[in-house]
Amino acid sequence: MRLWSLHPGLLDRQGLIACWREALLAQAVLAGRTSGYTRHPQLQRFQEQPDPVASIGAYLSGIAAVAEVRGYRFDRSRIDAPGPAQRMTVSDGQLAFEWRHLRAKMAARSPERLRLARHPVPHPLFEVERGPVAEWERP
């Protein structure tokens, strides 16, 4: 499971679709509809929010907005709580780590999309603060 802190507009087609599916799974976990993945480290920051379901809903809404711009039809009715939600923070170290990870993936599968992405921008749900890679990240 990869719930990118990066703006979904930076993702290639494969990344955007995978992020949507994985965030829907995360939503099911956070809403208590599945017993799997409950301890997945990518969920930690959402679980720490006052309303985890609203936070993942706002996250999904950001992905769906980018998908619509690109002409995809992601079913927004699958979002339990489409937002808004309290903004979350992400460290600049985490953003840089994810940026390197995404660039490596896209260099292999979508070099044309990679050329369009100049620098890391966070998902609209996140505010950037100075700091290291998150403790929950698995390098």
Protein backbone atom coordinates (compact mmCIF):
# COMPACT_ATOMS: atom_id res chain seq x y z
CA MET A 1 0.00 0.00 0.00
CA ARG A 2 1.36 3.43 -0.93
CA LEU A 3 -0.60 6.51 0.07
CA TRP A 4 1.48 9.22 -1.58
CA SER A 5 2.00 12.53 0.19
CA LEU A 6 2.77 13.90 -3.26
CA HIS A 7 0.15 15.69 -5.33
CA PRO A 8 -1.79 13.14 -7.39
CA GLY A 9 -1.16 15.27 -10.47
CA LEU A 10 2.46 14.10 -10.35
CA LEU A 11 1.46 10.45 -10.68
CA ASP A 12 1.43 8.64 -13.99
CA ARG A 13 -1.64 6.65 -15.08
CA GLN A 14 -0.55 3.50 -13.27
CA GLY A 15 0.30 5.39 -10.09
CA LEU A 16 -2.96 7.33 -10.07
CA ILE A 17 -5.10 4.23 -10.51
CA ALA A 18 -3.11 2.27 -7.91
CA CYS A 19 -3.31 5.15 -5.44
CA TRP A 20 -7.11 5.31 -5.87
CA ARG A 21 -7.48 1.58 -5.26
CA GLU A 22 -5.12 1.56 -2.30
CA ALA A 23 -6.78 4.60 -0.72
CA LEU A 24 -10.17 2.87 -1.09
CA LEU A 25 -8.69 -0.10 0.77
CA ALA A 26 -7.33 2.27 3.42
CA GLN A 27 -10.80 3.80 3.76
CA ALA A 28 -12.31 0.35 4.33
CA VAL A 29 -9.70 -0.35 7.02
CA LEU A 30 -10.22 3.02 8.73
CA ALA A 31 -14.01 2.58 8.62
CA GLY A 32 -13.71 -0.87 10.21
CA ARG A 33 -15.05 -2.79 7.20
CA THR A 34 -12.08 -5.13 6.91
CA SER A 35 -9.81 -6.86 9.38
CA GLY A 36 -6.73 -6.87 7.15
CA TYR A 37 -4.08 -4.14 6.92
CA THR A 38 -5.13 -2.58 10.24
CA ARG A 39 -1.50 -2.15 11.29
CA HIS A 40 -0.13 -1.06 7.93
CA PRO A 41 2.37 1.77 8.54
CA GLN A 42 0.96 3.92 5.73
CA LEU A 43 -2.29 4.21 7.72
CA GLN A 44 -0.68 5.56 10.89
CA ARG A 45 -0.92 9.24 10.00
CA PHE A 46 -4.59 8.88 9.08
CA GLN A 47 -5.36 6.90 12.24
CA GLU A 48 -3.86 9.75 14.30
CA GLN A 49 -6.34 12.29 12.91
CA PRO A 50 -9.44 13.39 14.86
CA ASP A 51 -11.63 11.91 12.10
CA PRO A 52 -9.64 9.31 10.12
CA VAL A 53 -12.51 8.54 7.73
CA ALA A 54 -12.92 12.23 6.85
CA SER A 55 -9.16 12.53 6.32
CA ILE A 56 -8.98 9.57 3.93
CA GLY A 57 -12.14 10.89 2.24
CA ALA A 58 -10.47 14.24 1.59
CA TYR A 59 -7.42 12.35 0.32
CA LEU A 60 -9.58 10.31 -2.07
CA SER A 61 -11.35 13.47 -3.24
CA GLY A 62 -7.99 14.96 -4.24
CA ILE A 63 -7.19 11.87 -6.29
CA ALA A 64 -10.63 11.89 -7.93
CA ALA A 65 -10.26 15.56 -8.88
CA VAL A 66 -7.03 14.87 -10.77
CA ALA A 67 -8.56 11.79 -12.40
CA GLU A 68 -11.49 13.85 -13.69
CA VAL A 69 -9.16 16.43 -15.21
CA ARG A 70 -7.42 13.60 -17.06
CA GLY A 71 -10.71 12.16 -18.31
CA TYR A 72 -10.93 9.15 -15.99
CA ARG A 73 -14.16 8.24 -14.25
CA PHE A 74 -13.38 7.37 -10.65
CA ASP A 75 -16.61 6.65 -8.78
CA ARG A 76 -16.84 9.39 -6.14
CA SER A 77 -19.85 7.66 -4.57
CA ARG A 78 -17.33 5.20 -3.10
CA ILE A 79 -15.91 7.95 -0.86
CA ASP A 80 -17.52 7.65 2.59
CA ALA A 81 -16.81 11.22 3.69
CA PRO A 82 -15.63 13.32 0.72
CA GLY A 83 -14.40 16.18 2.89
CA PRO A 84 -13.40 18.67 3.87
CA ALA A 85 -11.09 17.48 6.61
CA GLN A 86 -8.50 18.99 8.88
CA ARG A 87 -5.24 19.46 6.97
CA MET A 88 -2.43 17.09 7.82
CA THR A 89 1.30 17.70 7.87
CA VAL A 90 4.06 16.01 5.94
CA SER A 91 7.76 16.65 6.43
CA ASP A 92 9.92 17.95 3.62
CA GLY A 93 12.11 14.89 4.24
CA GLN A 94 9.17 12.56 3.63
CA LEU A 95 8.16 14.46 0.51
CA ALA A 96 11.73 14.27 -0.84
CA PHE A 97 11.88 10.52 -0.08
CA GLU A 98 8.61 9.90 -1.93
CA TRP A 99 9.73 12.12 -4.81
CA ARG A 100 12.87 10.00 -5.32
CA HIS A 101 10.80 6.81 -5.08
CA LEU A 102 8.22 8.05 -7.61
CA ARG A 103 10.85 9.34 -10.03
CA ALA A 104 12.57 5.93 -10.02
CA LYS A 105 9.27 4.17 -10.79
CA MET A 106 8.30 6.62 -13.52
CA ALA A 107 11.74 6.58 -15.15
CA ALA A 108 11.09 2.94 -15.99
CA ARG A 109 7.41 2.99 -16.91
CA SER A 110 6.46 6.58 -17.86
CA PRO A 111 9.48 8.67 -18.83
CA GLU A 112 7.29 11.10 -20.79
CA ARG A 113 5.22 11.85 -17.68
CA LEU A 114 8.36 12.16 -15.59
CA ARG A 115 9.62 14.94 -17.87
CA LEU A 116 6.51 16.98 -16.98
CA ALA A 117 7.13 16.69 -13.23
CA ARG A 118 9.73 19.25 -12.20
CA HIS A 119 9.60 19.28 -8.38
CA PRO A 120 7.62 17.71 -5.54
CA VAL A 121 4.32 19.28 -4.56
CA PRO A 122 2.20 17.88 -1.71
CA HIS A 123 -1.30 16.44 -2.01
CA PRO A 124 -3.78 19.27 -1.21
CA LEU A 125 -4.58 17.62 2.13
CA PHE A 126 -1.01 18.14 3.37
CA GLU A 127 0.95 21.12 4.64
CA VAL A 128 4.74 20.79 4.45
CA GLU A 129 6.91 21.29 7.50
CA ARG A 130 10.63 20.81 7.97
CA GLY A 131 11.66 17.39 9.17
CA PRO A 132 13.06 13.95 8.38
CA VAL A 133 11.49 10.97 6.65
CA ALA A 134 8.49 9.76 8.67
CA GLU A 135 9.07 7.02 11.23
CA TRP A 136 6.35 4.88 9.63
CA GLU A 137 8.10 4.88 6.24
CA ARG A 138 9.68 1.62 5.15
CA PRO A 139 12.76 2.46 3.01
